[in-house]
Amino acid sequence: MAARGRDPLRRAEAGPSRAGRDAAPRGGDSLAEVPGGIRLQKVLAAAGIGSRRHCEELIAAGRVMVDGEVVRRFGARVDPGRQVIRVDGKRIPAREDLVYLALNKPPGVLSTMSDDRGRRTLADLLGDRAERLFHVGRLDYDTEGLILLTNDGELAHRLAHPRYGVRKTYLAEIPGPVPRDLGRRLTTGVELDDGAVIADRFRVVERAGSRALVEITVHEGRKHVVRRMLAAAGHPVGRLVRIQVGPVRLGSLRPAATRRLTAAEVGDLYAAVGM
């Protein structure tokens, strides 16, 4: 019978021993060591993947890749500034200097970082931050809801670019009653003065007397596109709230507040734009 310490299945179940955490298991990777790099498990833990021990277990299970290669060395040193690291195939935000935020924009705030007329802007909600943040897309002055902010310029560019068709979901308050064919009309296309626009999804959330609450998803980035398409269909929008951008949801985030995106959310955003 094999000695207990040499049984790879038992060793994987128990997690790596302290003595073996910096050793390369048999059949390990061939990734070159980065001089002066950071230990892989430390990078994973700093990205919010889990505790250092949990990250070591992920490495031992072959679930971590660096630049497309599975890495099983717990002591492998990497450069998170230039190497792409993935867990279970999903890229992680490895650079500690990169910031990813969700913000719930209230009405009456400009989707910009400054205004020469002194109006309230996103910068007023963020307070004093050292990073130069980009806002991903815009919301109208009177529209509320989710805006993403980051100093990851490549991700921000791709999320805003029409080529990637990142979907945005809104809740809109419109006059009722809502005809049965409204969803079909919106998802087959509404003609606007700058061309046709098509909703990806539409549903009625609530009916209350002469008003209705509807949910609409679009991948268009044209100005006022949701308000214009609903108005063209005969249902001008009152209140409008964006509740989702790609895989990221607004959730219970209160107005004017921000939160950091989780590692899973950032990984999903990377995946949505092919990074």
Protein backbone atom coordinates (compact mmCIF):
# COMPACT_ATOMS: atom_id res chain seq x y z
CA MET A 1 0.00 0.00 0.00
CA ALA A 2 1.29 3.45 -0.88
CA ALA A 3 2.33 5.67 1.99
CA ARG A 4 -0.34 8.16 2.92
CA GLY A 5 1.88 11.16 2.23
CA ARG A 6 2.49 9.97 -1.32
CA ASP A 7 -1.14 9.44 -2.31
CA PRO A 8 -1.86 12.36 -4.67
CA LEU A 9 -5.61 12.10 -4.18
CA ARG A 10 -5.35 12.26 -0.41
CA ARG A 11 -2.80 15.05 -0.68
CA ALA A 12 -5.13 17.09 -2.91
CA GLU A 13 -8.04 16.56 -0.52
CA ALA A 14 -5.97 17.62 2.48
CA GLY A 15 -4.39 20.59 0.71
CA PRO A 16 -0.67 21.24 0.23
CA SER A 17 1.63 20.68 3.18
CA ARG A 18 3.72 23.57 4.43
CA ALA A 19 6.93 21.87 3.31
CA GLY A 20 5.55 21.22 -0.16
CA ARG A 21 3.96 24.56 -0.92
CA ASP A 22 7.00 25.93 -2.71
CA ALA A 23 7.89 22.70 -4.46
CA ALA A 24 6.91 21.75 -8.01
CA PRO A 25 4.77 18.58 -8.06
CA ARG A 26 5.55 15.84 -10.56
CA GLY A 27 4.21 16.71 -13.96
CA GLY A 28 4.37 20.41 -13.06
CA ASP A 29 4.39 23.32 -15.45
CA SER A 30 7.28 24.68 -17.46
CA LEU A 31 6.48 28.36 -16.86
CA ALA A 32 9.67 30.41 -16.56
CA GLU A 33 10.19 32.07 -13.19
CA VAL A 34 9.82 35.87 -13.21
CA PRO A 35 12.80 37.39 -11.37
CA GLY A 36 11.51 39.58 -8.59
CA GLY A 37 7.95 38.43 -9.29
CA ILE A 38 5.15 37.87 -6.79
CA ARG A 39 4.13 34.42 -5.64
CA LEU A 40 1.13 33.23 -7.59
CA GLN A 41 -0.98 32.36 -4.55
CA LYS A 42 -0.39 35.85 -3.14
CA VAL A 43 -1.56 37.44 -6.42
CA LEU A 44 -4.71 35.30 -6.40
CA ALA A 45 -5.49 36.15 -2.78
CA ALA A 46 -4.95 39.88 -3.38
CA ALA A 47 -7.39 39.71 -6.31
CA GLY A 48 -10.10 38.44 -3.97
CA ILE A 49 -10.14 34.82 -5.11
CA GLY A 50 -9.95 33.54 -1.56
CA SER A 51 -7.55 32.90 1.30
CA ARG A 52 -3.90 32.06 0.54
CA ARG A 53 -4.58 28.43 1.47
CA HIS A 54 -7.62 28.23 -0.82
CA CYS A 55 -5.57 29.71 -3.68
CA GLU A 56 -2.89 27.07 -3.11
CA GLU A 57 -5.57 24.41 -3.39
CA LEU A 58 -6.74 25.90 -6.70
CA ILE A 59 -3.17 25.78 -7.99
CA ALA A 60 -2.75 22.17 -6.82
CA ALA A 61 -5.96 21.21 -8.63
CA GLY A 62 -4.67 22.61 -11.93
CA ARG A 63 -7.34 25.33 -12.07
CA VAL A 64 -4.95 28.26 -12.49
CA MET A 65 -3.37 29.33 -15.78
CA VAL A 66 -0.70 31.95 -16.46
CA ASP A 67 -0.33 33.11 -20.07
CA GLY A 68 -2.31 30.09 -21.24
CA GLU A 69 -0.35 27.48 -19.29
CA VAL A 70 -1.57 25.54 -16.25
CA VAL A 71 0.67 26.29 -13.26
CA ARG A 72 0.91 23.85 -10.35
CA ARG A 73 3.89 25.32 -8.48
CA PHE A 74 2.79 27.04 -5.29
CA GLY A 75 5.97 29.11 -5.22
CA ALA A 76 5.81 30.20 -8.86
CA ARG A 77 6.59 33.90 -9.17
CA VAL A 78 4.64 35.92 -11.72
CA ASP A 79 4.34 39.49 -12.94
CA PRO A 80 0.65 40.51 -12.61
CA GLY A 81 1.39 43.71 -14.51
CA ARG A 82 2.10 41.94 -17.80
CA GLN A 83 0.90 38.34 -17.46
CA VAL A 84 -2.68 37.13 -17.93
CA ILE A 85 -3.85 34.96 -15.05
CA ARG A 86 -7.02 32.88 -15.19
CA VAL A 87 -8.88 30.72 -12.68
CA ASP A 88 -11.21 28.11 -14.15
CA GLY A 89 -10.70 29.79 -17.52
CA LYS A 90 -11.82 33.21 -16.28
CA ARG A 91 -9.35 36.10 -16.24
CA ILE A 92 -8.80 37.72 -12.84
CA PRO A 93 -7.98 41.37 -12.03
CA ALA A 94 -4.39 40.68 -11.04
CA ARG A 95 -2.93 44.20 -11.01
CA GLU A 96 -3.29 45.81 -7.61
CA ASP A 97 -3.28 49.33 -9.09
CA LEU A 98 -6.44 48.72 -11.13
CA VAL A 99 -9.79 49.78 -9.68
CA TYR A 100 -13.25 48.55 -10.73
CA LEU A 101 -16.30 50.28 -9.23
CA ALA A 102 -20.07 50.21 -9.55
CA LEU A 103 -21.85 53.50 -8.83
CA ASN A 104 -25.56 54.19 -8.48
CA LYS A 105 -26.00 57.56 -10.20
CA PRO A 106 -28.91 59.61 -8.87
CA PRO A 107 -30.93 61.89 -11.18
CA GLY A 108 -29.55 65.39 -11.56
CA VAL A 109 -25.93 64.27 -11.91
CA LEU A 110 -23.87 64.62 -15.08
CA SER A 111 -22.13 61.50 -16.41
CA THR A 112 -18.79 63.30 -16.55
CA MET A 113 -15.91 63.98 -14.19
CA SER A 114 -16.07 67.80 -14.42
CA ASP A 115 -18.40 70.58 -15.53
CA ASP A 116 -17.48 74.20 -16.25
CA ARG A 117 -20.97 75.31 -15.22
CA GLY A 118 -20.59 73.89 -11.73
CA ARG A 119 -23.23 71.20 -12.02
CA ARG A 120 -22.97 68.03 -9.94
CA THR A 121 -20.86 65.31 -11.59
CA LEU A 122 -19.67 61.76 -10.95
CA ALA A 123 -16.49 63.17 -9.40
CA ASP A 124 -18.60 64.78 -6.67
CA LEU A 125 -19.92 61.33 -5.73
CA LEU A 126 -16.51 59.65 -5.74
CA GLY A 127 -14.76 62.01 -3.35
CA ASP A 128 -10.98 62.32 -3.34
CA ARG A 129 -9.44 59.37 -5.16
CA ALA A 130 -5.85 59.11 -6.34
CA GLU A 131 -6.75 57.10 -9.46
CA ARG A 132 -7.89 58.66 -12.70
CA LEU A 133 -11.10 56.78 -13.38
CA PHE A 134 -12.97 56.36 -16.67
CA HIS A 135 -16.75 56.05 -16.65
CA VAL A 136 -18.06 53.33 -18.96
CA GLY A 137 -20.71 54.95 -21.11
CA ARG A 138 -23.12 57.62 -19.93
CA LEU A 139 -26.53 58.07 -18.40
CA ASP A 140 -28.79 61.02 -19.17
CA TYR A 141 -28.89 63.83 -16.60
CA ASP A 142 -32.28 62.65 -15.31
CA THR A 143 -31.63 58.91 -15.67
CA GLU A 144 -30.61 56.92 -12.61
CA GLY A 145 -28.72 53.73 -12.02
CA LEU A 146 -25.61 51.75 -12.69
CA ILE A 147 -22.43 53.26 -14.06
CA LEU A 148 -19.12 51.37 -14.07
CA LEU A 149 -15.88 53.22 -13.37
CA THR A 150 -12.34 51.93 -13.78
CA ASN A 151 -8.78 52.95 -14.56
CA ASP A 152 -8.44 49.88 -16.79
CA GLY A 153 -8.47 51.79 -20.06
CA GLU A 154 -8.62 48.78 -22.38
CA LEU A 155 -11.59 47.25 -20.56
CA ALA A 156 -13.43 50.60 -20.44
CA HIS A 157 -12.86 51.10 -24.17
CA ARG A 158 -14.17 47.67 -25.09
CA LEU A 159 -17.21 47.87 -22.83
CA ALA A 160 -18.23 51.13 -24.49
CA HIS A 161 -17.44 50.07 -28.07
CA PRO A 162 -20.46 49.06 -30.22
CA ARG A 163 -18.46 46.17 -31.69
CA TYR A 164 -18.79 44.16 -28.47
CA GLY A 165 -22.53 44.74 -28.04
CA VAL A 166 -22.52 44.76 -24.25
CA ARG A 167 -26.14 44.67 -23.10
CA LYS A 168 -27.68 47.17 -20.69
CA THR A 169 -30.95 46.59 -18.86
CA TYR A 170 -33.31 49.35 -17.68
CA LEU A 171 -36.48 49.71 -15.65
CA ALA A 172 -38.78 52.32 -17.20
CA GLU A 173 -41.98 53.82 -15.88
CA ILE A 174 -44.36 54.44 -18.80
CA PRO A 175 -48.04 55.32 -19.27
CA GLY A 176 -50.40 52.35 -19.32
CA PRO A 177 -52.13 50.33 -20.38
CA VAL A 178 -49.39 48.36 -22.15
CA PRO A 179 -50.66 46.70 -25.33
CA ARG A 180 -49.88 43.03 -25.81
CA ASP A 181 -47.85 43.64 -28.94
CA LEU A 182 -45.50 46.27 -27.46
CA GLY A 183 -42.79 43.73 -26.70
CA ARG A 184 -42.98 42.29 -30.21
CA ARG A 185 -42.77 45.77 -31.76
CA LEU A 186 -39.72 46.69 -29.70
CA THR A 187 -37.87 43.42 -30.30
CA THR A 188 -38.52 43.49 -34.05
CA GLY A 189 -37.42 47.10 -34.41
CA VAL A 190 -38.59 50.68 -33.99
CA GLU A 191 -37.69 53.32 -36.55
CA LEU A 192 -35.98 56.44 -35.17
CA ASP A 193 -34.75 59.53 -36.98
CA ASP A 194 -31.20 58.09 -37.01
CA GLY A 195 -32.18 54.55 -37.99
CA ALA A 196 -33.96 51.50 -36.62
CA VAL A 197 -33.28 50.21 -33.11
CA ILE A 198 -34.08 46.77 -31.73
CA ALA A 199 -34.58 45.77 -28.10
CA ASP A 200 -32.92 42.51 -27.06
CA ARG A 201 -35.53 41.75 -24.41
CA PHE A 202 -38.72 43.31 -23.02
CA ARG A 203 -41.15 42.42 -20.26
CA VAL A 204 -43.82 44.09 -18.17
CA VAL A 205 -42.80 44.04 -14.51
CA GLU A 206 -45.84 45.71 -12.95
CA ARG A 207 -49.13 47.37 -13.89
CA ALA A 208 -50.60 49.99 -11.57
CA GLY A 209 -53.56 51.98 -12.82
CA SER A 210 -52.51 54.38 -15.55
CA ARG A 211 -48.80 53.58 -15.11
CA ALA A 212 -46.68 50.53 -15.86
CA LEU A 213 -43.16 49.43 -14.99
CA VAL A 214 -41.32 47.65 -17.79
CA GLU A 215 -37.88 46.11 -18.17
CA ILE A 216 -36.01 46.60 -21.43
CA THR A 217 -32.57 45.37 -22.53
CA VAL A 218 -30.61 46.94 -25.40
CA HIS A 219 -27.07 46.72 -26.73
CA GLU A 220 -27.28 50.09 -28.49
CA GLY A 221 -25.25 53.04 -27.24
CA ARG A 222 -27.03 55.85 -29.06
CA LYS A 223 -28.00 58.92 -27.06
CA HIS A 224 -31.34 58.67 -25.20
CA VAL A 225 -31.99 55.42 -27.08
CA VAL A 226 -34.33 53.82 -24.51
CA ARG A 227 -36.38 56.99 -24.03
CA ARG A 228 -36.60 57.56 -27.79
CA MET A 229 -37.62 54.04 -28.73
CA LEU A 230 -40.36 53.85 -26.08
CA ALA A 231 -41.62 57.31 -27.06
CA ALA A 232 -41.68 56.24 -30.72
CA ALA A 233 -43.78 53.25 -29.67
CA GLY A 234 -46.27 55.59 -27.99
CA HIS A 235 -45.08 55.22 -24.38
CA PRO A 236 -42.92 58.17 -23.25
CA VAL A 237 -40.73 57.36 -20.27
CA GLY A 238 -41.10 58.99 -16.89
CA ARG A 239 -38.53 57.54 -14.50
CA LEU A 240 -35.67 55.50 -16.00
CA VAL A 241 -33.17 53.38 -14.04
CA ARG A 242 -30.35 51.29 -15.46
CA ILE A 243 -30.12 48.11 -13.41
CA GLN A 244 -27.49 46.07 -15.26
CA VAL A 245 -24.44 46.49 -17.50
CA GLY A 246 -23.27 43.24 -19.05
CA PRO A 247 -23.01 40.74 -16.17
CA VAL A 248 -22.92 43.41 -13.41
CA ARG A 249 -26.15 44.20 -11.56
CA LEU A 250 -27.06 47.31 -9.59
CA GLY A 251 -28.64 45.23 -6.83
CA SER A 252 -29.28 47.01 -3.54
CA LEU A 253 -26.60 49.67 -3.97
CA ARG A 254 -28.06 52.90 -2.61
CA PRO A 255 -28.17 56.13 -4.67
CA ALA A 256 -24.85 58.04 -4.85
CA ALA A 257 -22.99 55.06 -3.33
CA THR A 258 -20.19 53.00 -4.85
CA ARG A 259 -18.87 49.50 -4.34
CA ARG A 260 -15.90 47.56 -5.64
CA LEU A 261 -16.66 44.88 -8.18
CA THR A 262 -15.85 41.33 -7.14
CA ALA A 263 -13.15 39.33 -8.89
CA ALA A 264 -15.91 37.21 -10.46
CA GLU A 265 -17.69 40.29 -11.82
CA VAL A 266 -14.50 41.68 -13.33
CA GLY A 267 -13.76 38.27 -14.85
CA ASP A 268 -17.22 38.21 -16.38
CA LEU A 269 -16.66 41.69 -17.84
CA TYR A 270 -13.35 40.55 -19.36
CA ALA A 271 -15.14 37.56 -20.87
CA ALA A 272 -17.93 39.74 -22.26
CA VAL A 273 -15.45 41.72 -24.35
CA GLY A 274 -13.05 38.91 -25.24
CA MET A 275 -10.17 39.81 -22.93
